Amino acid sequence: MAAFARCASLMQEYSGAVPWVAIQEGFEFEGRKVYLGSRPRGIHKPTQMSRGVLSIKTNQPRMGRSTRYDDALSSDGYFSYAFQGVDPTSRDNICLREAFEDQAPLIYFYGISPAIYQILLPCYLTGWDPVRLHCTIAVGSPHEMALREPGPSAYRIDRRYSTIEAKVRLHQAEFRELVLSAYSRRCAISGLPIPGLLEAAHIIADRDERGHPEVTNGLCLSTLHHAAYDKNLLGIDADGIVHIPTAVLKQNDGPTLEKAIKAFDGARIHLPRHSDDRPNRDYLAERFDLFQRSNS
């Protein structure tokens, strides 16, 4: 519970995208340092634990490198996590088996970009397969940890549903992290540098079949400008020029409207340094056409 509390604090502090340097600091428990995870190993059991594992980790590889583990989001709705190595009786894999047998909750550090993690908890091993050399992982509810008797018979919570929700959050978090990183964690319109007030805005909406969570379909915008963009109270053309509707420009109000909205009419957005990360011009043009029709 102390480890979970530390993770919850990290998720709040870093808005869900937690750097490994913060995770590896660990926490104090009964006067001793406890590490949340291990940099070189994906399966972590601190010396204070007698059985099972405290955490597992899936890395997002740096460009040109491959992942150490063959982990995936499986088609059955759960996570698939590969054993370390090919020996199911190795120390790490036995620890996984113990966590499965005990149905003990654990922490899953899921890499959404190199050295940046989304933290999933509580997680449970729902299968341990020594033949296929992998285990299956479900994301549970925090309420499960309060139960006196662990195990599938002690609750009726649909972990599959919770896991699917977690996967959706992972995709959203990965998209946000990629977009914010591309724009150097600054709003493309205002230059605001506060990550907690920045969001990854889709150019082509994610409900559209082309609305993939890719950097070129995203803009890093402040929460205010993201809302205005989604409601067509602010448009961006294919050249990256900001347009404010005439009806909004005619309004007179306090400094928020004047300085945070109207002042950017005609300004050019800040683009990512790398050309491959810059917004798709065709997408910008299509979205700008919708903005014009909405304000005609």
C-alpha atoms as a PDB file:
ATOM      1  CA  MET A   1       0.000   0.000   0.000  1.00  0.00           C
ATOM      2  CA  ALA A   2       2.904   2.353   0.674  1.00  0.00           C
ATOM      3  CA  ALA A   3       4.266   1.627  -2.810  1.00  0.00           C
ATOM      4  CA  PHE A   4       0.857   2.238  -4.375  1.00  0.00           C
ATOM      5  CA  ALA A   5       0.521   5.513  -2.473  1.00  0.00           C
ATOM      6  CA  ARG A   6       3.912   6.638  -3.774  1.00  0.00           C
ATOM      7  CA  CYS A   7       2.882   5.763  -7.325  1.00  0.00           C
ATOM      8  CA  ALA A   8      -0.382   7.679  -6.975  1.00  0.00           C
ATOM      9  CA  SER A   9       1.611  10.706  -5.836  1.00  0.00           C
ATOM     10  CA  LEU A  10       3.928  10.400  -8.847  1.00  0.00           C
ATOM     11  CA  MET A  11       1.025  10.123 -11.273  1.00  0.00           C
ATOM     12  CA  GLN A  12      -0.533  13.262  -9.865  1.00  0.00           C
ATOM     13  CA  GLU A  13       2.745  15.184  -9.837  1.00  0.00           C
ATOM     14  CA  TYR A  14       3.618  14.319 -13.447  1.00  0.00           C
ATOM     15  CA  SER A  15       0.082  14.278 -14.904  1.00  0.00           C
ATOM     16  CA  GLY A  16       0.345  10.566 -15.650  1.00  0.00           C
ATOM     17  CA  ALA A  17       3.578  10.603 -17.683  1.00  0.00           C
ATOM     18  CA  VAL A  18       6.132   9.707 -15.018  1.00  0.00           C
ATOM     19  CA  PRO A  19       9.877   9.835 -15.803  1.00  0.00           C
ATOM     20  CA  TRP A  20      11.980   6.884 -14.724  1.00  0.00           C
ATOM     21  CA  VAL A  21      14.315   9.166 -12.785  1.00  0.00           C
ATOM     22  CA  ALA A  22      11.403   9.888 -10.428  1.00  0.00           C
ATOM     23  CA  ILE A  23      10.332   6.255 -10.194  1.00  0.00           C
ATOM     24  CA  GLN A  24      13.821   5.010  -9.365  1.00  0.00           C
ATOM     25  CA  GLU A  25      14.019   7.248  -6.295  1.00  0.00           C
ATOM     26  CA  GLY A  26      11.750   4.764  -4.505  1.00  0.00           C
ATOM     27  CA  PHE A  27      10.305   5.547  -1.093  1.00  0.00           C
ATOM     28  CA  GLU A  28      10.964   5.100   2.609  1.00  0.00           C
ATOM     29  CA  PHE A  29       9.202   2.295   4.485  1.00  0.00           C
ATOM     30  CA  GLU A  30       9.809   1.570   8.154  1.00  0.00           C
ATOM     31  CA  GLY A  31      13.082   3.454   8.005  1.00  0.00           C
ATOM     32  CA  ARG A  32      14.419   1.629   4.940  1.00  0.00           C
ATOM     33  CA  LYS A  33      14.657   2.565   1.266  1.00  0.00           C
ATOM     34  CA  VAL A  34      12.426   0.512  -1.024  1.00  0.00           C
ATOM     35  CA  TYR A  35      12.871   0.702  -4.787  1.00  0.00           C
ATOM     36  CA  LEU A  36       9.760   0.656  -6.956  1.00  0.00           C
ATOM     37  CA  GLY A  37      11.455  -0.922  -9.939  1.00  0.00           C
ATOM     38  CA  SER A  38      14.733  -1.917 -11.518  1.00  0.00           C
ATOM     39  CA  ARG A  39      16.288  -0.240 -14.527  1.00  0.00           C
ATOM     40  CA  PRO A  40      17.967  -3.362 -16.030  1.00  0.00           C
ATOM     41  CA  ARG A  41      15.231  -5.862 -15.109  1.00  0.00           C
ATOM     42  CA  GLY A  42      11.574  -5.891 -16.046  1.00  0.00           C
ATOM     43  CA  ILE A  43      10.533  -7.946 -13.001  1.00  0.00           C
ATOM     44  CA  HIS A  44      11.245  -6.363  -9.629  1.00  0.00           C
ATOM     45  CA  LYS A  45      11.120  -7.979  -6.192  1.00  0.00           C
ATOM     46  CA  PRO A  46      12.663  -5.796  -3.481  1.00  0.00           C
ATOM     47  CA  THR A  47      14.639  -7.448  -0.724  1.00  0.00           C
ATOM     48  CA  GLN A  48      11.842  -6.642   1.747  1.00  0.00           C
ATOM     49  CA  MET A  49       9.445  -9.035  -0.037  1.00  0.00           C
ATOM     50  CA  SER A  50       9.464 -12.775   0.649  1.00  0.00           C
ATOM     51  CA  ARG A  51       7.224 -13.814  -2.263  1.00  0.00           C
ATOM     52  CA  GLY A  52       5.908 -12.510  -5.550  1.00  0.00           C
ATOM     53  CA  VAL A  53       6.847  -9.227  -7.192  1.00  0.00           C
ATOM     54  CA  LEU A  54       6.250  -5.570  -6.461  1.00  0.00           C
ATOM     55  CA  SER A  55       6.356  -4.365 -10.054  1.00  0.00           C
ATOM     56  CA  ILE A  56       6.855  -5.279 -13.687  1.00  0.00           C
ATOM     57  CA  LYS A  57       7.972  -3.015 -16.504  1.00  0.00           C
ATOM     58  CA  THR A  58       7.577  -2.748 -20.258  1.00  0.00           C
ATOM     59  CA  ASN A  59       9.963  -0.361 -21.985  1.00  0.00           C
ATOM     60  CA  GLN A  60       9.239   1.856 -24.943  1.00  0.00           C
ATOM     61  CA  PRO A  61      12.459   1.459 -26.977  1.00  0.00           C
ATOM     62  CA  ARG A  62      14.534   4.358 -28.172  1.00  0.00           C
ATOM     63  CA  MET A  63      14.696   4.823 -31.909  1.00  0.00           C
ATOM     64  CA  GLY A  64      16.657   2.032 -33.568  1.00  0.00           C
ATOM     65  CA  ARG A  65      16.417  -0.324 -30.592  1.00  0.00           C
ATOM     66  CA  SER A  66      14.141  -3.260 -29.932  1.00  0.00           C
ATOM     67  CA  THR A  67      12.203  -4.038 -26.783  1.00  0.00           C
ATOM     68  CA  ARG A  68      13.801  -6.422 -24.320  1.00  0.00           C
ATOM     69  CA  TYR A  69      10.553  -8.259 -23.717  1.00  0.00           C
ATOM     70  CA  ASP A  70       7.933  -9.413 -26.195  1.00  0.00           C
ATOM     71  CA  ASP A  71       5.058  -7.697 -24.439  1.00  0.00           C
ATOM     72  CA  ALA A  72       1.820  -6.811 -26.152  1.00  0.00           C
ATOM     73  CA  LEU A  73      -1.782  -5.820 -25.720  1.00  0.00           C
ATOM     74  CA  SER A  74      -3.395  -9.171 -26.478  1.00  0.00           C
ATOM     75  CA  SER A  75      -6.598  -9.631 -28.478  1.00  0.00           C
ATOM     76  CA  ASP A  76      -8.458 -11.217 -25.551  1.00  0.00           C
ATOM     77  CA  GLY A  77      -8.601  -7.908 -23.731  1.00  0.00           C
ATOM     78  CA  TYR A  78      -5.690  -8.487 -21.355  1.00  0.00           C
ATOM     79  CA  PHE A  79      -2.000  -7.669 -21.368  1.00  0.00           C
ATOM     80  CA  SER A  80       0.477 -10.341 -22.373  1.00  0.00           C
ATOM     81  CA  TYR A  81       3.785 -10.185 -20.523  1.00  0.00           C
ATOM     82  CA  ALA A  82       6.743 -12.325 -21.586  1.00  0.00           C
ATOM     83  CA  PHE A  83       8.874 -14.256 -19.132  1.00  0.00           C
ATOM     84  CA  GLN A  84      12.439 -13.160 -18.644  1.00  0.00           C
ATOM     85  CA  GLY A  85      14.492 -15.563 -20.730  1.00  0.00           C
ATOM     86  CA  VAL A  86      13.380 -19.063 -21.688  1.00  0.00           C
ATOM     87  CA  ASP A  87      13.653 -20.832 -18.341  1.00  0.00           C
ATOM     88  CA  PRO A  88      10.309 -20.810 -16.476  1.00  0.00           C
ATOM     89  CA  THR A  89      12.108 -21.906 -13.303  1.00  0.00           C
ATOM     90  CA  SER A  90      14.422 -18.902 -13.196  1.00  0.00           C
ATOM     91  CA  ARG A  91      14.168 -16.669 -10.143  1.00  0.00           C
ATOM     92  CA  ASP A  92      12.239 -13.860 -11.813  1.00  0.00           C
ATOM     93  CA  ASN A  93       9.752 -16.181 -13.481  1.00  0.00           C
ATOM     94  CA  ILE A  94       9.149 -18.067 -10.239  1.00  0.00           C
ATOM     95  CA  CYS A  95       8.386 -14.722  -8.612  1.00  0.00           C
ATOM     96  CA  LEU A  96       5.754 -14.164 -11.304  1.00  0.00           C
ATOM     97  CA  ARG A  97       4.294 -17.581 -10.562  1.00  0.00           C
ATOM     98  CA  GLU A  98       4.084 -16.737  -6.866  1.00  0.00           C
ATOM     99  CA  ALA A  99       2.274 -13.500  -7.641  1.00  0.00           C
ATOM    100  CA  PHE A 100      -0.156 -15.510  -9.775  1.00  0.00           C
ATOM    101  CA  GLU A 101      -0.705 -18.125  -7.082  1.00  0.00           C
ATOM    102  CA  ASP A 102      -1.237 -15.526  -4.355  1.00  0.00           C
ATOM    103  CA  GLN A 103      -3.297 -13.193  -6.558  1.00  0.00           C
ATOM    104  CA  ALA A 104      -1.260 -10.416  -5.007  1.00  0.00           C
ATOM    105  CA  PRO A 105      -1.658  -6.921  -6.491  1.00  0.00           C
ATOM    106  CA  LEU A 106       1.343  -5.434  -8.275  1.00  0.00           C
ATOM    107  CA  ILE A 107       2.414  -2.319 -10.165  1.00  0.00           C
ATOM    108  CA  TYR A 108       2.815  -2.238 -13.956  1.00  0.00           C
ATOM    109  CA  PHE A 109       5.145   0.439 -15.359  1.00  0.00           C
ATOM    110  CA  TYR A 110       4.164   0.698 -19.024  1.00  0.00           C
ATOM    111  CA  GLY A 111       6.511   2.729 -21.220  1.00  0.00           C
ATOM    112  CA  ILE A 112       4.728   5.318 -23.365  1.00  0.00           C
ATOM    113  CA  SER A 113       7.975   6.857 -24.622  1.00  0.00           C
ATOM    114  CA  PRO A 114      11.646   6.250 -23.808  1.00  0.00           C
ATOM    115  CA  ALA A 115      12.155   6.600 -20.022  1.00  0.00           C
ATOM    116  CA  ILE A 116       8.548   7.820 -19.534  1.00  0.00           C
ATOM    117  CA  TYR A 117       5.951   5.533 -17.964  1.00  0.00           C
ATOM    118  CA  GLN A 118       2.258   5.267 -17.322  1.00  0.00           C
ATOM    119  CA  ILE A 119       1.600   3.500 -14.016  1.00  0.00           C
ATOM    120  CA  LEU A 120      -1.140   0.878 -13.920  1.00  0.00           C
ATOM    121  CA  LEU A 121      -2.336  -0.420 -10.556  1.00  0.00           C
ATOM    122  CA  PRO A 122      -3.483  -2.603  -9.009  1.00  0.00           C
ATOM    123  CA  CYS A 123      -2.637  -5.286 -11.558  1.00  0.00           C
ATOM    124  CA  TYR A 124      -3.093  -9.027 -11.192  1.00  0.00           C
ATOM    125  CA  LEU A 125      -1.652 -12.022 -13.000  1.00  0.00           C
ATOM    126  CA  THR A 126      -4.550 -13.993 -14.444  1.00  0.00           C
ATOM    127  CA  GLY A 127      -2.384 -16.650 -16.055  1.00  0.00           C
ATOM    128  CA  TRP A 128       1.156 -18.093 -15.892  1.00  0.00           C
ATOM    129  CA  ASP A 129       2.095 -20.268 -18.880  1.00  0.00           C
ATOM    130  CA  PRO A 130       5.453 -22.120 -18.666  1.00  0.00           C
ATOM    131  CA  VAL A 131       4.981 -23.529 -22.177  1.00  0.00           C
ATOM    132  CA  ARG A 132       4.317 -20.274 -24.017  1.00  0.00           C
ATOM    133  CA  LEU A 133       6.628 -18.428 -21.610  1.00  0.00           C
ATOM    134  CA  HIS A 134       4.284 -15.613 -20.817  1.00  0.00           C
ATOM    135  CA  CYS A 135       1.667 -14.521 -18.328  1.00  0.00           C
ATOM    136  CA  THR A 136      -1.523 -12.536 -18.708  1.00  0.00           C
ATOM    137  CA  ILE A 137      -2.179  -9.394 -16.718  1.00  0.00           C
ATOM    138  CA  ALA A 138      -5.437  -7.669 -15.822  1.00  0.00           C
ATOM    139  CA  VAL A 139      -5.938  -4.228 -14.342  1.00  0.00           C
ATOM    140  CA  GLY A 140      -8.187  -4.376 -11.305  1.00  0.00           C
ATOM    141  CA  SER A 141     -10.032  -1.913  -9.147  1.00  0.00           C
ATOM    142  CA  PRO A 142      -8.528  -0.259  -6.055  1.00  0.00           C
ATOM    143  CA  HIS A 143     -11.478  -1.712  -4.125  1.00  0.00           C
ATOM    144  CA  GLU A 144     -10.066  -5.214  -4.620  1.00  0.00           C
ATOM    145  CA  MET A 145      -7.124  -4.467  -2.347  1.00  0.00           C
ATOM    146  CA  ALA A 146      -9.474  -3.878   0.570  1.00  0.00           C
ATOM    147  CA  LEU A 147     -10.875  -7.404   0.387  1.00  0.00           C
ATOM    148  CA  ARG A 148      -9.888  -9.782   3.171  1.00  0.00           C
ATOM    149  CA  GLU A 149      -9.715 -12.883   0.988  1.00  0.00           C
ATOM    150  CA  PRO A 150      -7.716 -12.568  -2.247  1.00  0.00           C
ATOM    151  CA  GLY A 151      -8.501 -14.585  -5.321  1.00  0.00           C
ATOM    152  CA  PRO A 152     -11.173 -14.738  -8.055  1.00  0.00           C
ATOM    153  CA  SER A 153     -13.894 -16.021  -5.687  1.00  0.00           C
ATOM    154  CA  ALA A 154     -13.626 -13.006  -3.409  1.00  0.00           C
ATOM    155  CA  TYR A 155     -14.986 -10.398  -5.811  1.00  0.00           C
ATOM    156  CA  ARG A 156     -17.171  -9.872  -8.854  1.00  0.00           C
ATOM    157  CA  ILE A 157     -15.339  -7.039 -10.534  1.00  0.00           C
ATOM    158  CA  ASP A 158     -14.931  -7.238 -14.272  1.00  0.00           C
ATOM    159  CA  ARG A 159     -11.177  -6.942 -14.678  1.00  0.00           C
ATOM    160  CA  ARG A 160     -11.441  -7.299 -18.423  1.00  0.00           C
ATOM    161  CA  TYR A 161     -13.455  -4.083 -18.606  1.00  0.00           C
ATOM    162  CA  SER A 162     -10.973  -2.317 -16.324  1.00  0.00           C
ATOM    163  CA  THR A 163      -8.093  -3.538 -18.485  1.00  0.00           C
ATOM    164  CA  ILE A 164      -9.693  -2.309 -21.713  1.00  0.00           C
ATOM    165  CA  GLU A 165     -10.217   1.086 -20.068  1.00  0.00           C
ATOM    166  CA  ALA A 166      -6.556   1.082 -19.046  1.00  0.00           C
ATOM    167  CA  LYS A 167      -5.507   0.387 -22.639  1.00  0.00           C
ATOM    168  CA  VAL A 168      -7.529   3.359 -23.849  1.00  0.00           C
ATOM    169  CA  ARG A 169      -5.795   5.547 -21.262  1.00  0.00           C
ATOM    170  CA  LEU A 170      -2.422   4.196 -22.400  1.00  0.00           C
ATOM    171  CA  HIS A 171      -3.082   5.159 -26.015  1.00  0.00           C
ATOM    172  CA  GLN A 172      -4.222   8.620 -24.931  1.00  0.00           C
ATOM    173  CA  ALA A 173      -1.205   9.039 -22.677  1.00  0.00           C
ATOM    174  CA  GLU A 174       1.188   7.900 -25.397  1.00  0.00           C
ATOM    175  CA  PHE A 175      -0.331  10.337 -27.895  1.00  0.00           C
ATOM    176  CA  ARG A 176      -0.137  13.182 -25.377  1.00  0.00           C
ATOM    177  CA  GLU A 177       3.475  12.414 -24.508  1.00  0.00           C
ATOM    178  CA  LEU A 178       4.543  12.211 -28.156  1.00  0.00           C
ATOM    179  CA  VAL A 179       2.835  15.489 -29.045  1.00  0.00           C
ATOM    180  CA  LEU A 180       4.033  17.409 -25.987  1.00  0.00           C
ATOM    181  CA  SER A 181       7.588  16.183 -26.554  1.00  0.00           C
ATOM    182  CA  ALA A 182       7.488  17.213 -30.217  1.00  0.00           C
ATOM    183  CA  TYR A 183       6.437  20.740 -29.239  1.00  0.00           C
ATOM    184  CA  SER A 184       9.022  20.973 -26.430  1.00  0.00           C
ATOM    185  CA  ARG A 185       6.168  21.019 -23.895  1.00  0.00           C
ATOM    186  CA  ARG A 186       4.911  24.420 -24.958  1.00  0.00           C
ATOM    187  CA  CYS A 187       1.544  25.467 -26.342  1.00  0.00           C
ATOM    188  CA  ALA A 188       1.834  25.865 -30.115  1.00  0.00           C
ATOM    189  CA  ILE A 189      -0.188  29.096 -29.914  1.00  0.00           C
ATOM    190  CA  SER A 190       0.723  30.854 -26.667  1.00  0.00           C
ATOM    191  CA  GLY A 191       4.013  29.181 -25.773  1.00  0.00           C
ATOM    192  CA  LEU A 192       2.656  28.279 -22.308  1.00  0.00           C
ATOM    193  CA  PRO A 193       5.245  25.915 -20.733  1.00  0.00           C
ATOM    194  CA  ILE A 194       3.194  24.350 -17.906  1.00  0.00           C
ATOM    195  CA  PRO A 195       2.672  20.621 -18.690  1.00  0.00           C
ATOM    196  CA  GLY A 196      -0.335  20.317 -16.398  1.00  0.00           C
ATOM    197  CA  LEU A 197      -2.162  22.870 -18.568  1.00  0.00           C
ATOM    198  CA  LEU A 198      -1.158  21.344 -21.915  1.00  0.00           C
ATOM    199  CA  GLU A 199      -3.097  18.823 -23.988  1.00  0.00           C
ATOM    200  CA  ALA A 200      -2.647  16.935 -27.239  1.00  0.00           C
ATOM    201  CA  ALA A 201      -5.353  18.136 -29.609  1.00  0.00           C
ATOM    202  CA  HIS A 202      -6.379  16.014 -32.586  1.00  0.00           C
ATOM    203  CA  ILE A 203      -6.531  17.833 -35.905  1.00  0.00           C
ATOM    204  CA  ILE A 204      -8.703  15.155 -37.490  1.00  0.00           C
ATOM    205  CA  ALA A 205     -10.955  13.930 -34.684  1.00  0.00           C
ATOM    206  CA  ASP A 206     -10.129  10.525 -33.203  1.00  0.00           C
ATOM    207  CA  ARG A 207     -13.665   9.324 -34.019  1.00  0.00           C
ATOM    208  CA  ASP A 208     -12.751   9.680 -37.730  1.00  0.00           C
ATOM    209  CA  GLU A 209     -11.123   6.566 -39.217  1.00  0.00           C
ATOM    210  CA  ARG A 210      -8.150   8.754 -40.200  1.00  0.00           C
ATOM    211  CA  GLY A 211      -7.852  10.297 -36.751  1.00  0.00           C
ATOM    212  CA  HIS A 212      -4.889   8.217 -35.711  1.00  0.00           C
ATOM    213  CA  PRO A 213      -2.973   9.153 -32.527  1.00  0.00           C
ATOM    214  CA  GLU A 214       0.094  10.244 -34.500  1.00  0.00           C
ATOM    215  CA  VAL A 215       2.227  13.315 -33.931  1.00  0.00           C
ATOM    216  CA  THR A 216       1.368  14.734 -37.368  1.00  0.00           C
ATOM    217  CA  ASN A 217      -2.314  14.624 -36.436  1.00  0.00           C
ATOM    218  CA  GLY A 218      -1.733  16.486 -33.201  1.00  0.00           C
ATOM    219  CA  LEU A 219      -1.140  19.954 -31.823  1.00  0.00           C
ATOM    220  CA  CYS A 220       0.139  20.816 -28.373  1.00  0.00           C
ATOM    221  CA  LEU A 221      -2.352  23.345 -27.033  1.00  0.00           C
ATOM    222  CA  SER A 222      -3.224  24.814 -23.674  1.00  0.00           C
ATOM    223  CA  THR A 223      -6.503  23.625 -22.198  1.00  0.00           C
ATOM    224  CA  LEU A 224      -8.085  26.953 -23.176  1.00  0.00           C
ATOM    225  CA  HIS A 225      -6.904  26.893 -26.781  1.00  0.00           C
ATOM    226  CA  HIS A 226      -7.708  23.199 -27.140  1.00  0.00           C
ATOM    227  CA  ALA A 227     -11.303  23.843 -26.074  1.00  0.00           C
ATOM    228  CA  ALA A 228     -11.554  26.821 -28.430  1.00  0.00           C
ATOM    229  CA  TYR A 229     -10.098  24.755 -31.299  1.00  0.00           C
ATOM    230  CA  ASP A 230     -12.521  21.886 -30.735  1.00  0.00           C
ATOM    231  CA  LYS A 231     -15.499  24.283 -30.656  1.00  0.00           C
ATOM    232  CA  ASN A 232     -14.339  26.136 -33.793  1.00  0.00           C
ATOM    233  CA  LEU A 233     -13.831  29.352 -31.844  1.00  0.00           C
ATOM    234  CA  LEU A 234     -10.265  29.276 -33.108  1.00  0.00           C
ATOM    235  CA  GLY A 235      -8.952  27.991 -36.432  1.00  0.00           C
ATOM    236  CA  ILE A 236      -5.509  27.174 -37.809  1.00  0.00           C
ATOM    237  CA  ASP A 237      -4.970  27.129 -41.557  1.00  0.00           C
ATOM    238  CA  ALA A 238      -2.574  24.968 -43.551  1.00  0.00           C
ATOM    239  CA  ASP A 239       0.196  27.568 -43.155  1.00  0.00           C
ATOM    240  CA  GLY A 240      -0.153  27.515 -39.381  1.00  0.00           C
ATOM    241  CA  ILE A 241      -1.870  30.909 -39.133  1.00  0.00           C
ATOM    242  CA  VAL A 242      -4.326  31.366 -36.271  1.00  0.00           C
ATOM    243  CA  HIS A 243      -7.772  32.745 -37.099  1.00  0.00           C
ATOM    244  CA  ILE A 244     -10.324  34.042 -34.596  1.00  0.00           C
ATOM    245  CA  PRO A 245     -13.946  34.337 -35.764  1.00  0.00           C
ATOM    246  CA  THR A 246     -15.275  37.834 -36.403  1.00  0.00           C
ATOM    247  CA  ALA A 247     -18.019  37.311 -33.838  1.00  0.00           C
ATOM    248  CA  VAL A 248     -15.417  36.672 -31.150  1.00  0.00           C
ATOM    249  CA  LEU A 249     -13.214  39.583 -32.239  1.00  0.00           C
ATOM    250  CA  LYS A 250     -16.187  41.921 -31.870  1.00  0.00           C
ATOM    251  CA  GLN A 251     -16.714  40.933 -28.247  1.00  0.00           C
ATOM    252  CA  ASN A 252     -15.251  43.143 -25.547  1.00  0.00           C
ATOM    253  CA  ASP A 253     -14.398  41.662 -22.170  1.00  0.00           C
ATOM    254  CA  GLY A 254     -11.545  41.281 -19.721  1.00  0.00           C
ATOM    255  CA  PRO A 255      -7.872  40.395 -20.262  1.00  0.00           C
ATOM    256  CA  THR A 256      -8.468  36.663 -20.800  1.00  0.00           C
ATOM    257  CA  LEU A 257     -10.443  37.243 -23.984  1.00  0.00           C
ATOM    258  CA  GLU A 258      -8.240  40.107 -25.158  1.00  0.00           C
ATOM    259  CA  LYS A 259      -4.825  38.618 -24.444  1.00  0.00           C
ATOM    260  CA  ALA A 260      -5.392  34.881 -24.528  1.00  0.00           C
ATOM    261  CA  ILE A 261      -7.703  34.674 -27.556  1.00  0.00           C
ATOM    262  CA  LYS A 262      -8.093  37.809 -29.673  1.00  0.00           C
ATOM    263  CA  ALA A 263      -4.406  38.753 -29.468  1.00  0.00           C
ATOM    264  CA  PHE A 264      -3.402  35.618 -31.422  1.00  0.00           C
ATOM    265  CA  ASP A 265      -5.517  36.393 -34.486  1.00  0.00           C
ATOM    266  CA  GLY A 266      -3.102  36.309 -37.430  1.00  0.00           C
ATOM    267  CA  ALA A 267      -0.252  34.822 -35.414  1.00  0.00           C
ATOM    268  CA  ARG A 268       1.679  31.791 -36.635  1.00  0.00           C
ATOM    269  CA  ILE A 269       1.849  28.696 -34.461  1.00  0.00           C
ATOM    270  CA  HIS A 270       5.150  27.397 -33.114  1.00  0.00           C
ATOM    271  CA  LEU A 271       6.133  24.262 -35.021  1.00  0.00           C
ATOM    272  CA  PRO A 272       8.123  21.244 -33.816  1.00  0.00           C
ATOM    273  CA  ARG A 273      11.838  21.395 -34.495  1.00  0.00           C
ATOM    274  CA  HIS A 274      11.812  18.151 -36.464  1.00  0.00           C
ATOM    275  CA  SER A 275       9.995  18.360 -39.776  1.00  0.00           C
ATOM    276  CA  ASP A 276       8.653  14.815 -39.447  1.00  0.00           C
ATOM    277  CA  ASP A 277       6.710  15.901 -36.351  1.00  0.00           C
ATOM    278  CA  ARG A 278       5.025  18.888 -37.947  1.00  0.00           C
ATOM    279  CA  PRO A 279       1.258  18.873 -38.495  1.00  0.00           C
ATOM    280  CA  ASN A 280      -0.119  17.370 -41.676  1.00  0.00           C
ATOM    281  CA  ARG A 281      -0.975  20.312 -43.948  1.00  0.00           C
ATOM    282  CA  ASP A 282      -3.855  18.462 -45.599  1.00  0.00           C
ATOM    283  CA  TYR A 283      -5.352  17.733 -42.182  1.00  0.00           C
ATOM    284  CA  LEU A 284      -4.947  21.360 -41.138  1.00  0.00           C
ATOM    285  CA  ALA A 285      -6.631  22.512 -44.349  1.00  0.00           C
ATOM    286  CA  GLU A 286      -9.547  20.118 -43.890  1.00  0.00           C
ATOM    287  CA  ARG A 287     -10.041  21.141 -40.293  1.00  0.00           C
ATOM    288  CA  PHE A 288      -9.770  24.831 -41.209  1.00  0.00           C
ATOM    289  CA  ASP A 289     -12.484  24.365 -43.830  1.00  0.00           C
ATOM    290  CA  LEU A 290     -14.756  23.045 -41.075  1.00  0.00           C
ATOM    291  CA  PHE A 291     -13.877  26.103 -38.975  1.00  0.00           C
ATOM    292  CA  GLN A 292     -14.805  28.451 -41.828  1.00  0.00           C
ATOM    293  CA  ARG A 293     -18.106  26.702 -42.515  1.00  0.00           C
ATOM    294  CA  SER A 294     -18.961  26.793 -38.815  1.00  0.00           C
ATOM    295  CA  ASN A 295     -18.398  30.547 -38.708  1.00  0.00           C
ATOM    296  CA  SER A 296     -19.907  31.556 -42.067  1.00  0.00           C
END
